[in-house]
Structures are given as C-alpha cells and as structure tokens.
Full PDB file with SEQRES, HELIX, SHEET, SSBOND, CRYST1, ORIGX, SCALE, CONECT and MASTER records, all heavy atoms in Angstrom:
SEQRES   1 A   40  LEU GLY GLU ALA TRP VAL GLU LEU MET GLY LEU PRO GLU          
SEQRES   2 A   40  VAL GLY SER SER HIS ALA PRO LEU SER ASP VAL LEU GLU          
SEQRES   3 A   40  GLU ASP LEU THR GLN PHE LEU GLY ARG ALA GLY ALA LYS          
SEQRES   4 A   40  THR                                                          
HELIX    1 AA1 LEU A   21  ARG A   35  1                                  15    
CRYST1    1.000    1.000    1.000  90.00  90.00  90.00 P 1           1          
ORIGX1      1.000000  0.000000  0.000000        0.00000                         
ORIGX2      0.000000  1.000000  0.000000        0.00000                         
ORIGX3      0.000000  0.000000  1.000000        0.00000                         
SCALE1      1.000000  0.000000  0.000000        0.00000                         
SCALE2      0.000000  1.000000  0.000000        0.00000                         
SCALE3      0.000000  0.000000  1.000000        0.00000                         
ATOM      1  N   LEU A   1     134.077 112.257  76.284  1.00  0.00           N  
ATOM      2  CA  LEU A   1     135.493 111.925  76.100  1.00  0.00           C  
ATOM      3  C   LEU A   1     135.934 111.218  77.391  1.00  0.00           C  
ATOM      4  O   LEU A   1     136.189 111.884  78.407  1.00  0.00           O  
ATOM      5  CB  LEU A   1     136.292 113.178  75.846  1.00  0.00           C  
ATOM      6  CG  LEU A   1     137.698 112.995  75.261  1.00  0.00           C  
ATOM      7  CD1 LEU A   1     137.633 112.317  73.906  1.00  0.00           C  
ATOM      8  CD2 LEU A   1     138.396 114.324  75.096  1.00  0.00           C  
ATOM      9  N   GLY A   2     135.993 109.896  77.404  1.00  0.00           N  
ATOM     10  CA  GLY A   2     136.349 109.203  78.619  1.00  0.00           C  
ATOM     11  C   GLY A   2     135.142 109.122  79.532  1.00  0.00           C  
ATOM     12  O   GLY A   2     134.007 109.389  79.174  1.00  0.00           O  
ATOM     13  N   GLU A   3     135.406 108.700  80.783  1.00  0.00           N  
ATOM     14  CA  GLU A   3     134.362 108.475  81.789  1.00  0.00           C  
ATOM     15  C   GLU A   3     134.184 109.778  82.644  1.00  0.00           C  
ATOM     16  O   GLU A   3     135.089 110.612  82.731  1.00  0.00           O  
ATOM     17  CB  GLU A   3     134.701 107.314  82.666  1.00  0.00           C  
ATOM     18  CG  GLU A   3     134.836 106.005  81.890  1.00  0.00           C  
ATOM     19  CD  GLU A   3     135.271 104.886  82.797  1.00  0.00           C  
ATOM     20  OE1 GLU A   3     135.807 105.165  83.938  1.00  0.00           O  
ATOM     21  OE2 GLU A   3     135.093 103.715  82.433  1.00  0.00           O  
ATOM     22  N   ALA A   4     133.031 109.814  83.268  1.00  0.00           N  
ATOM     23  CA  ALA A   4     132.856 110.905  84.317  1.00  0.00           C  
ATOM     24  C   ALA A   4     133.715 110.577  85.509  1.00  0.00           C  
ATOM     25  O   ALA A   4     134.023 109.368  85.788  1.00  0.00           O  
ATOM     26  CB  ALA A   4     131.402 110.920  84.701  1.00  0.00           C  
ATOM     27  N   TRP A   5     134.177 111.621  86.220  1.00  0.00           N  
ATOM     28  CA  TRP A   5     134.846 111.350  87.470  1.00  0.00           C  
ATOM     29  C   TRP A   5     134.374 112.337  88.527  1.00  0.00           C  
ATOM     30  O   TRP A   5     133.878 113.434  88.179  1.00  0.00           O  
ATOM     31  CB  TRP A   5     136.364 111.373  87.301  1.00  0.00           C  
ATOM     32  CG  TRP A   5     137.041 112.731  87.209  1.00  0.00           C  
ATOM     33  CD1 TRP A   5     137.593 113.454  88.187  1.00  0.00           C  
ATOM     34  CD2 TRP A   5     137.186 113.544  86.033  1.00  0.00           C  
ATOM     35  NE1 TRP A   5     138.073 114.661  87.769  1.00  0.00           N  
ATOM     36  CE2 TRP A   5     137.864 114.733  86.413  1.00  0.00           C  
ATOM     37  CE3 TRP A   5     136.827 113.366  84.685  1.00  0.00           C  
ATOM     38  CZ2 TRP A   5     138.153 115.727  85.497  1.00  0.00           C  
ATOM     39  CZ3 TRP A   5     137.160 114.345  83.767  1.00  0.00           C  
ATOM     40  CH2 TRP A   5     137.829 115.535  84.194  1.00  0.00           C  
ATOM     41  N   VAL A   6     134.517 111.882  89.798  1.00  0.00           N  
ATOM     42  CA  VAL A   6     133.938 112.687  90.873  1.00  0.00           C  
ATOM     43  C   VAL A   6     134.938 112.951  91.951  1.00  0.00           C  
ATOM     44  O   VAL A   6     135.942 112.209  92.049  1.00  0.00           O  
ATOM     45  CB  VAL A   6     132.706 111.993  91.530  1.00  0.00           C  
ATOM     46  CG1 VAL A   6     131.599 111.755  90.507  1.00  0.00           C  
ATOM     47  CG2 VAL A   6     133.065 110.696  92.219  1.00  0.00           C  
ATOM     48  N   GLU A   7     134.750 114.043  92.708  1.00  0.00           N  
ATOM     49  CA  GLU A   7     135.536 114.377  93.872  1.00  0.00           C  
ATOM     50  C   GLU A   7     134.568 114.489  95.022  1.00  0.00           C  
ATOM     51  O   GLU A   7     133.504 115.136  94.897  1.00  0.00           O  
ATOM     52  CB  GLU A   7     136.327 115.651  93.700  1.00  0.00           C  
ATOM     53  CG  GLU A   7     137.307 115.628  92.536  1.00  0.00           C  
ATOM     54  CD  GLU A   7     137.938 116.966  92.276  1.00  0.00           C  
ATOM     55  OE1 GLU A   7     138.387 117.615  93.241  1.00  0.00           O  
ATOM     56  OE2 GLU A   7     137.964 117.378  91.093  1.00  0.00           O  
ATOM     57  N   LEU A   8     134.850 113.861  96.145  1.00  0.00           N  
ATOM     58  CA  LEU A   8     134.005 113.829  97.303  1.00  0.00           C  
ATOM     59  C   LEU A   8     134.523 114.687  98.411  1.00  0.00           C  
ATOM     60  O   LEU A   8     135.765 114.684  98.660  1.00  0.00           O  
ATOM     61  CB  LEU A   8     133.790 112.412  97.855  1.00  0.00           C  
ATOM     62  CG  LEU A   8     133.370 111.335  96.813  1.00  0.00           C  
ATOM     63  CD1 LEU A   8     133.278 110.009  97.513  1.00  0.00           C  
ATOM     64  CD2 LEU A   8     132.072 111.710  96.175  1.00  0.00           C  
ATOM     65  N   MET A   9     133.692 115.448  99.143  1.00  0.00           N  
ATOM     66  CA  MET A   9     134.075 116.206 100.346  1.00  0.00           C  
ATOM     67  C   MET A   9     133.072 116.024 101.395  1.00  0.00           C  
ATOM     68  O   MET A   9     131.817 116.188 101.146  1.00  0.00           O  
ATOM     69  CB  MET A   9     134.202 117.718  99.967  1.00  0.00           C  
ATOM     70  CG  MET A   9     135.238 118.044  98.913  1.00  0.00           C  
ATOM     71  SD  MET A   9     135.315 119.785  98.549  1.00  0.00           S  
ATOM     72  CE  MET A   9     135.937 120.413 100.104  1.00  0.00           C  
ATOM     73  N   GLY A  10     133.529 115.551 102.580  1.00  0.00           N  
ATOM     74  CA  GLY A  10     132.625 115.420 103.744  1.00  0.00           C  
ATOM     75  C   GLY A  10     131.661 114.244 103.588  1.00  0.00           C  
ATOM     76  O   GLY A  10     130.591 114.253 104.201  1.00  0.00           O  
ATOM     77  N   LEU A  11     132.111 113.200 102.883  1.00  0.00           N  
ATOM     78  CA  LEU A  11     131.248 112.022 102.664  1.00  0.00           C  
ATOM     79  C   LEU A  11     132.067 110.748 102.996  1.00  0.00           C  
ATOM     80  O   LEU A  11     133.269 110.701 102.825  1.00  0.00           O  
ATOM     81  CB  LEU A  11     130.726 111.955 101.225  1.00  0.00           C  
ATOM     82  CG  LEU A  11     129.749 113.035 100.827  1.00  0.00           C  
ATOM     83  CD1 LEU A  11     129.563 113.078  99.317  1.00  0.00           C  
ATOM     84  CD2 LEU A  11     128.419 112.840 101.495  1.00  0.00           C  
ATOM     85  N   PRO A  12     131.358 109.667 103.390  1.00  0.00           N  
ATOM     86  CA  PRO A  12     132.072 108.430 103.669  1.00  0.00           C  
ATOM     87  C   PRO A  12     132.730 107.887 102.337  1.00  0.00           C  
ATOM     88  O   PRO A  12     132.222 108.082 101.289  1.00  0.00           O  
ATOM     89  CB  PRO A  12     130.942 107.466 104.119  1.00  0.00           C  
ATOM     90  CG  PRO A  12     129.801 108.329 104.514  1.00  0.00           C  
ATOM     91  CD  PRO A  12     129.912 109.573 103.693  1.00  0.00           C  
ATOM     92  N   GLU A  13     133.845 107.206 102.496  1.00  0.00           N  
ATOM     93  CA  GLU A  13     134.508 106.716 101.297  1.00  0.00           C  
ATOM     94  C   GLU A  13     133.833 105.418 100.728  1.00  0.00           C  
ATOM     95  O   GLU A  13     133.903 105.192  99.562  1.00  0.00           O  
ATOM     96  CB  GLU A  13     135.992 106.347 101.657  1.00  0.00           C  
ATOM     97  CG  GLU A  13     136.808 107.592 101.970  1.00  0.00           C  
ATOM     98  CD  GLU A  13     138.261 107.237 102.234  1.00  0.00           C  
ATOM     99  OE1 GLU A  13     138.642 106.056 102.061  1.00  0.00           O  
ATOM    100  OE2 GLU A  13     139.018 108.095 102.595  1.00  0.00           O  
ATOM    101  N   VAL A  14     133.136 104.672 101.618  1.00  0.00           N  
ATOM    102  CA  VAL A  14     132.507 103.432 101.191  1.00  0.00           C  
ATOM    103  C   VAL A  14     131.070 103.442 101.646  1.00  0.00           C  
ATOM    104  O   VAL A  14     130.752 103.854 102.741  1.00  0.00           O  
ATOM    105  CB  VAL A  14     133.258 102.199 101.849  1.00  0.00           C  
ATOM    106  CG1 VAL A  14     132.555 100.922 101.454  1.00  0.00           C  
ATOM    107  CG2 VAL A  14     134.729 102.186 101.399  1.00  0.00           C  
ATOM    108  N   GLY A  15     130.166 102.950 100.722  1.00  0.00           N  
ATOM    109  CA  GLY A  15     128.744 102.929 101.014  1.00  0.00           C  
ATOM    110  C   GLY A  15     128.265 101.502 101.286  1.00  0.00           C  
ATOM    111  O   GLY A  15     129.048 100.598 101.599  1.00  0.00           O  
ATOM    112  N   SER A  16     126.949 101.270 101.169  1.00  0.00           N  
ATOM    113  CA  SER A  16     126.342  99.994 101.543  1.00  0.00           C  
ATOM    114  C   SER A  16     126.752  98.848 100.654  1.00  0.00           C  
ATOM    115  O   SER A  16     126.656  97.666 101.019  1.00  0.00           O  
ATOM    116  CB  SER A  16     124.817 100.151 101.522  1.00  0.00           C  
ATOM    117  OG  SER A  16     124.364 100.537 100.191  1.00  0.00           O  
ATOM    118  N   SER A  17     127.237  99.133  99.414  1.00  0.00           N  
ATOM    119  CA  SER A  17     127.650  98.073  98.547  1.00  0.00           C  
ATOM    120  C   SER A  17     129.097  97.618  98.808  1.00  0.00           C  
ATOM    121  O   SER A  17     129.569  96.710  98.133  1.00  0.00           O  
ATOM    122  CB  SER A  17     127.567  98.473  97.078  1.00  0.00           C  
ATOM    123  OG  SER A  17     128.447  99.558  96.819  1.00  0.00           O  
ATOM    124  N   HIS A  18     129.723  98.283  99.754  1.00  0.00           N  
ATOM    125  CA  HIS A  18     131.131  97.998 100.208  1.00  0.00           C  
ATOM    126  C   HIS A  18     132.133  98.345  99.137  1.00  0.00           C  
ATOM    127  O   HIS A  18     133.276  97.918  99.226  1.00  0.00           O  
ATOM    128  CB  HIS A  18     131.319  96.471 100.609  1.00  0.00           C  
ATOM    129  CG  HIS A  18     130.306  96.103 101.690  1.00  0.00           C  
ATOM    130  ND1 HIS A  18     130.311  96.657 102.931  1.00  0.00           N  
ATOM    131  CD2 HIS A  18     129.247  95.250 101.644  1.00  0.00           C  
ATOM    132  CE1 HIS A  18     129.353  96.132 103.691  1.00  0.00           C  
ATOM    133  NE2 HIS A  18     128.691  95.269 102.913  1.00  0.00           N  
ATOM    134  N   ALA A  19     131.694  99.034  98.095  1.00  0.00           N  
ATOM    135  CA  ALA A  19     132.619  99.534  97.046  1.00  0.00           C  
ATOM    136  C   ALA A  19     132.898 100.976  97.333  1.00  0.00           C  
ATOM    137  O   ALA A  19     132.081 101.674  97.977  1.00  0.00           O  
ATOM    138  CB  ALA A  19     132.013  99.354  95.663  1.00  0.00           C  
ATOM    139  N   PRO A  20     134.006 101.525  96.875  1.00  0.00           N  
ATOM    140  CA  PRO A  20     134.264 102.957  97.058  1.00  0.00           C  
ATOM    141  C   PRO A  20     133.118 103.774  96.495  1.00  0.00           C  
ATOM    142  O   PRO A  20     132.672 103.541  95.366  1.00  0.00           O  
ATOM    143  CB  PRO A  20     135.596 103.152  96.261  1.00  0.00           C  
ATOM    144  CG  PRO A  20     136.290 101.859  96.272  1.00  0.00           C  
ATOM    145  CD  PRO A  20     135.152 100.828  96.181  1.00  0.00           C  
ATOM    146  N   LEU A  21     132.672 104.730  97.256  1.00  0.00           N  
ATOM    147  CA  LEU A  21     131.532 105.552  96.849  1.00  0.00           C  
ATOM    148  C   LEU A  21     131.828 106.240  95.548  1.00  0.00           C  
ATOM    149  O   LEU A  21     130.969 106.385  94.631  1.00  0.00           O  
ATOM    150  CB  LEU A  21     131.186 106.576  97.948  1.00  0.00           C  
ATOM    151  CG  LEU A  21     130.026 107.555  97.636  1.00  0.00           C  
ATOM    152  CD1 LEU A  21     128.752 106.772  97.410  1.00  0.00           C  
ATOM    153  CD2 LEU A  21     129.886 108.526  98.787  1.00  0.00           C  
ATOM    154  N   SER A  22     133.060 106.736  95.377  1.00  0.00           N  
ATOM    155  CA  SER A  22     133.390 107.489  94.130  1.00  0.00           C  
ATOM    156  C   SER A  22     133.254 106.500  92.962  1.00  0.00           C  
ATOM    157  O   SER A  22     132.766 106.936  91.847  1.00  0.00           O  
ATOM    158  CB  SER A  22     134.844 108.009  94.230  1.00  0.00           C  
ATOM    159  OG  SER A  22     135.768 106.979  94.463  1.00  0.00           O  
ATOM    160  N   ASP A  23     133.662 105.254  93.087  1.00  0.00           N  
ATOM    161  CA  ASP A  23     133.534 104.342  91.926  1.00  0.00           C  
ATOM    162  C   ASP A  23     132.104 104.073  91.551  1.00  0.00           C  
ATOM    163  O   ASP A  23     131.745 104.000  90.387  1.00  0.00           O  
ATOM    164  CB  ASP A  23     134.198 102.983  92.366  1.00  0.00           C  
ATOM    165  CG  ASP A  23     135.685 103.065  92.445  1.00  0.00           C  
ATOM    166  OD1 ASP A  23     136.255 104.140  92.093  1.00  0.00           O  
ATOM    167  OD2 ASP A  23     136.336 102.047  92.787  1.00  0.00           O  
ATOM    168  N   VAL A  24     131.253 103.940  92.611  1.00  0.00           N  
ATOM    169  CA  VAL A  24     129.821 103.665  92.312  1.00  0.00           C  
ATOM    170  C   VAL A  24     129.197 104.880  91.589  1.00  0.00           C  
ATOM    171  O   VAL A  24     128.480 104.727  90.554  1.00  0.00           O  
ATOM    172  CB  VAL A  24     129.040 103.461  93.638  1.00  0.00           C  
ATOM    173  CG1 VAL A  24     127.557 103.310  93.373  1.00  0.00           C  
ATOM    174  CG2 VAL A  24     129.538 102.178  94.340  1.00  0.00           C  
ATOM    175  N   LEU A  25     129.466 106.074  92.078  1.00  0.00           N  
ATOM    176  CA  LEU A  25     128.920 107.260  91.413  1.00  0.00           C  
ATOM    177  C   LEU A  25     129.426 107.406  89.970  1.00  0.00           C  
ATOM    178  O   LEU A  25     128.725 107.708  89.033  1.00  0.00           O  
ATOM    179  CB  LEU A  25     129.216 108.524  92.225  1.00  0.00           C  
ATOM    180  CG  LEU A  25     128.673 108.637  93.657  1.00  0.00           C  
ATOM    181  CD1 LEU A  25     129.046 109.959  94.239  1.00  0.00           C  
ATOM    182  CD2 LEU A  25     127.190 108.442  93.647  1.00  0.00           C  
ATOM    183  N   GLU A  26     130.764 107.175  89.805  1.00  0.00           N  
ATOM    184  CA  GLU A  26     131.336 107.355  88.481  1.00  0.00           C  
ATOM    185  C   GLU A  26     130.749 106.330  87.491  1.00  0.00           C  
ATOM    186  O   GLU A  26     130.496 106.655  86.346  1.00  0.00           O  
ATOM    187  CB  GLU A  26     132.865 107.205  88.537  1.00  0.00           C  
ATOM    188  CG  GLU A  26     133.514 108.423  89.190  1.00  0.00           C  
ATOM    189  CD  GLU A  26     134.956 108.229  89.500  1.00  0.00           C  
ATOM    190  OE1 GLU A  26     135.480 107.122  89.269  1.00  0.00           O  
ATOM    191  OE2 GLU A  26     135.605 109.170  90.028  1.00  0.00           O  
ATOM    192  N   GLU A  27     130.502 105.095  87.967  1.00  0.00           N  
ATOM    193  CA  GLU A  27     129.921 104.082  87.066  1.00  0.00           C  
ATOM    194  C   GLU A  27     128.499 104.473  86.680  1.00  0.00           C  
ATOM    195  O   GLU A  27     128.155 104.415  85.500  1.00  0.00           O  
ATOM    196  CB  GLU A  27     129.903 102.762  87.810  1.00  0.00           C  
ATOM    197  CG  GLU A  27     129.387 101.619  86.900  1.00  0.00           C  
ATOM    198  CD  GLU A  27     129.455 100.271  87.595  1.00  0.00           C  
ATOM    199  OE1 GLU A  27     130.190 100.125  88.568  1.00  0.00           O  
ATOM    200  OE2 GLU A  27     128.747  99.333  87.128  1.00  0.00           O  
ATOM    201  N   ASP A  28     127.670 104.939  87.617  1.00  0.00           N  
ATOM    202  CA  ASP A  28     126.293 105.355  87.303  1.00  0.00           C  
ATOM    203  C   ASP A  28     126.281 106.556  86.372  1.00  0.00           C  
ATOM    204  O   ASP A  28     125.470 106.613  85.414  1.00  0.00           O  
ATOM    205  CB  ASP A  28     125.522 105.651  88.557  1.00  0.00           C  
ATOM    206  CG  ASP A  28     125.273 104.386  89.419  1.00  0.00           C  
ATOM    207  OD1 ASP A  28     125.454 103.295  88.874  1.00  0.00           O  
ATOM    208  OD2 ASP A  28     124.785 104.561  90.545  1.00  0.00           O  
ATOM    209  N   LEU A  29     127.150 107.540  86.584  1.00  0.00           N  
ATOM    210  CA  LEU A  29     127.146 108.731  85.760  1.00  0.00           C  
ATOM    211  C   LEU A  29     127.654 108.393  84.346  1.00  0.00           C  
ATOM    212  O   LEU A  29     127.149 108.875  83.373  1.00  0.00           O  
ATOM    213  CB  LEU A  29     128.129 109.776  86.395  1.00  0.00           C  
ATOM    214  CG  LEU A  29     127.608 110.365  87.711  1.00  0.00           C  
ATOM    215  CD1 LEU A  29     128.739 111.062  88.454  1.00  0.00           C  
ATOM    216  CD2 LEU A  29     126.466 111.399  87.440  1.00  0.00           C  
ATOM    217  N   THR A  30     128.674 107.501  84.273  1.00  0.00           N  
ATOM    218  CA  THR A  30     129.222 107.125  82.932  1.00  0.00           C  
ATOM    219  C   THR A  30     128.193 106.303  82.152  1.00  0.00           C  
ATOM    220  O   THR A  30     128.036 106.513  80.955  1.00  0.00           O  
ATOM    221  CB  THR A  30     130.530 106.341  83.112  1.00  0.00           C  
ATOM    222  OG1 THR A  30     131.467 107.166  83.817  1.00  0.00           O  
ATOM    223  CG2 THR A  30     131.141 105.924  81.807  1.00  0.00           C  
ATOM    224  N   GLN A  31     127.426 105.508  82.844  1.00  0.00           N  
ATOM    225  CA  GLN A  31     126.340 104.771  82.162  1.00  0.00           C  
ATOM    226  C   GLN A  31     125.341 105.703  81.578  1.00  0.00           C  
ATOM    227  O   GLN A  31     124.846 105.539  80.448  1.00  0.00           O  
ATOM    228  CB  GLN A  31     125.712 103.771  83.107  1.00  0.00           C  
ATOM    229  CG  GLN A  31     126.486 102.497  83.420  1.00  0.00           C  
ATOM    230  CD  GLN A  31     125.733 101.520  84.304  1.00  0.00           C  
ATOM    231  OE1 GLN A  31     124.546 101.710  84.606  1.00  0.00           O  
ATOM    232  NE2 GLN A  31     126.412 100.544  84.843  1.00  0.00           N  
ATOM    233  N   PHE A  32     124.985 106.708  82.335  1.00  0.00           N  
ATOM    234  CA  PHE A  32     124.048 107.730  81.827  1.00  0.00           C  
ATOM    235  C   PHE A  32     124.609 108.400  80.605  1.00  0.00           C  
ATOM    236  O   PHE A  32     123.864 108.586  79.602  1.00  0.00           O  
ATOM    237  CB  PHE A  32     123.701 108.789  82.873  1.00  0.00           C  
ATOM    238  CG  PHE A  32     123.078 109.966  82.332  1.00  0.00           C  
ATOM    239  CD1 PHE A  32     121.720 109.953  81.954  1.00  0.00           C  
ATOM    240  CD2 PHE A  32     123.783 111.168  82.128  1.00  0.00           C  
ATOM    241  CE1 PHE A  32     121.146 111.096  81.396  1.00  0.00           C  
ATOM    242  CE2 PHE A  32     123.210 112.288  81.572  1.00  0.00           C  
ATOM    243  CZ  PHE A  32     121.880 112.262  81.165  1.00  0.00           C  
ATOM    244  N   LEU A  33     125.880 108.798  80.652  1.00  0.00           N  
ATOM    245  CA  LEU A  33     126.436 109.479  79.467  1.00  0.00           C  
ATOM    246  C   LEU A  33     126.376 108.626  78.232  1.00  0.00           C  
ATOM    247  O   LEU A  33     126.223 109.071  77.088  1.00  0.00           O  
ATOM    248  CB  LEU A  33     127.960 109.847  79.750  1.00  0.00           C  
ATOM    249  CG  LEU A  33     128.108 110.946  80.810  1.00  0.00           C  
ATOM    250  CD1 LEU A  33     129.627 111.126  81.104  1.00  0.00           C  
ATOM    251  CD2 LEU A  33     127.585 112.282  80.268  1.00  0.00           C  
ATOM    252  N   GLY A  34     126.544 107.265  78.387  1.00  0.00           N  
ATOM    253  CA  GLY A  34     126.511 106.354  77.296  1.00  0.00           C  
ATOM    254  C   GLY A  34     125.134 106.197  76.664  1.00  0.00           C  
ATOM    255  O   GLY A  34     125.038 105.886  75.474  1.00  0.00           O  
ATOM    256  N   ARG A  35     124.064 106.448  77.448  1.00  0.00           N  
ATOM    257  CA  ARG A  35     122.728 106.314  76.832  1.00  0.00           C  
ATOM    258  C   ARG A  35     122.028 107.681  76.619  1.00  0.00           C  
ATOM    259  O   ARG A  35     120.911 107.667  76.085  1.00  0.00           O  
ATOM    260  CB  ARG A  35     121.899 105.449  77.766  1.00  0.00           C  
ATOM    261  CG  ARG A  35     121.603 105.976  79.131  1.00  0.00           C  
ATOM    262  CD  ARG A  35     120.675 105.096  79.971  1.00  0.00           C  
ATOM    263  NE  ARG A  35     120.288 105.720  81.248  1.00  0.00           N  
ATOM    264  CZ  ARG A  35     120.960 105.540  82.357  1.00  0.00           C  
ATOM    265  NH1 ARG A  35     122.067 104.692  82.381  1.00  0.00           N  
ATOM    266  NH2 ARG A  35     120.583 106.110  83.509  1.00  0.00           N  
ATOM    267  N   ALA A  36     122.657 108.745  76.976  1.00  0.00           N  
ATOM    268  CA  ALA A  36     121.985 110.002  76.807  1.00  0.00           C  
ATOM    269  C   ALA A  36     121.850 110.405  75.306  1.00  0.00           C  
ATOM    270  O   ALA A  36     122.737 110.130  74.535  1.00  0.00           O  
ATOM    271  CB  ALA A  36     122.800 111.128  77.563  1.00  0.00           C  
ATOM    272  N   GLY A  37     120.765 111.056  75.003  1.00  0.00           N  
ATOM    273  CA  GLY A  37     120.540 111.430  73.642  1.00  0.00           C  
ATOM    274  C   GLY A  37     121.320 112.695  73.215  1.00  0.00           C  
ATOM    275  O   GLY A  37     121.917 113.398  74.068  1.00  0.00           O  
ATOM    276  N   ALA A  38     121.455 112.930  71.905  1.00  0.00           N  
ATOM    277  CA  ALA A  38     122.252 113.992  71.385  1.00  0.00           C  
ATOM    278  C   ALA A  38     121.754 115.357  71.881  1.00  0.00           C  
ATOM    279  O   ALA A  38     122.562 116.235  72.182  1.00  0.00           O  
ATOM    280  CB  ALA A  38     122.201 113.951  69.848  1.00  0.00           C  
ATOM    281  N   LYS A  39     120.440 115.548  72.009  1.00  0.00           N  
ATOM    282  CA  LYS A  39     119.900 116.808  72.505  1.00  0.00           C  
ATOM    283  C   LYS A  39     120.375 117.114  73.934  1.00  0.00           C  
ATOM    284  O   LYS A  39     120.688 118.190  74.271  1.00  0.00           O  
ATOM    285  CB  LYS A  39     118.361 116.826  72.424  1.00  0.00           C  
ATOM    286  CG  LYS A  39     117.872 117.028  70.991  1.00  0.00           C  
ATOM    287  CD  LYS A  39     116.334 117.203  71.060  1.00  0.00           C  
ATOM    288  CE  LYS A  39     115.767 117.455  69.655  1.00  0.00           C  
ATOM    289  NZ  LYS A  39     114.316 117.640  69.665  1.00  0.00           N  
ATOM    290  N   THR A  40     120.326 116.125  74.757  1.00  0.00           N  
ATOM    291  CA  THR A  40     120.749 116.287  76.146  1.00  0.00           C  
ATOM    292  C   THR A  40     122.239 116.602  76.224  1.00  0.00           C  
ATOM    293  O   THR A  40     122.673 117.502  76.918  1.00  0.00           O  
ATOM    294  CB  THR A  40     120.435 115.001  76.989  1.00  0.00           C  
ATOM    295  OG1 THR A  40     119.021 114.782  76.953  1.00  0.00           O  
ATOM    296  CG2 THR A  40     120.961 115.148  78.386  1.00  0.00           C  
TER     297      THR A  40                                                      
MASTER        0    0    0    1    0    0    0    6  296    1    0    4          
END                                                                             
C-alpha cells in the first residue's frame, strides 16, 4: 500500500549519487516490493 519509506539515524543525508540517501533507499525498496512474489 503505497511506497516504502525510511528513517535515518547517524547517517549522511547525501551519498555518492548526490541524491538524498533516504530517496535512494526508498526507491530501491519500493522497486523490490513491486517485483516481489506473493509468497514473499
């Protein structure tokens, strides 16, 4: 239901891609949810 979201503690806000780290993680996690099988 909707996208995954993350909360960060003790981590840099921006990584090597120069995008917010939270955005990068949320995008990768949401992509996984879109392709995950019903059993998972």
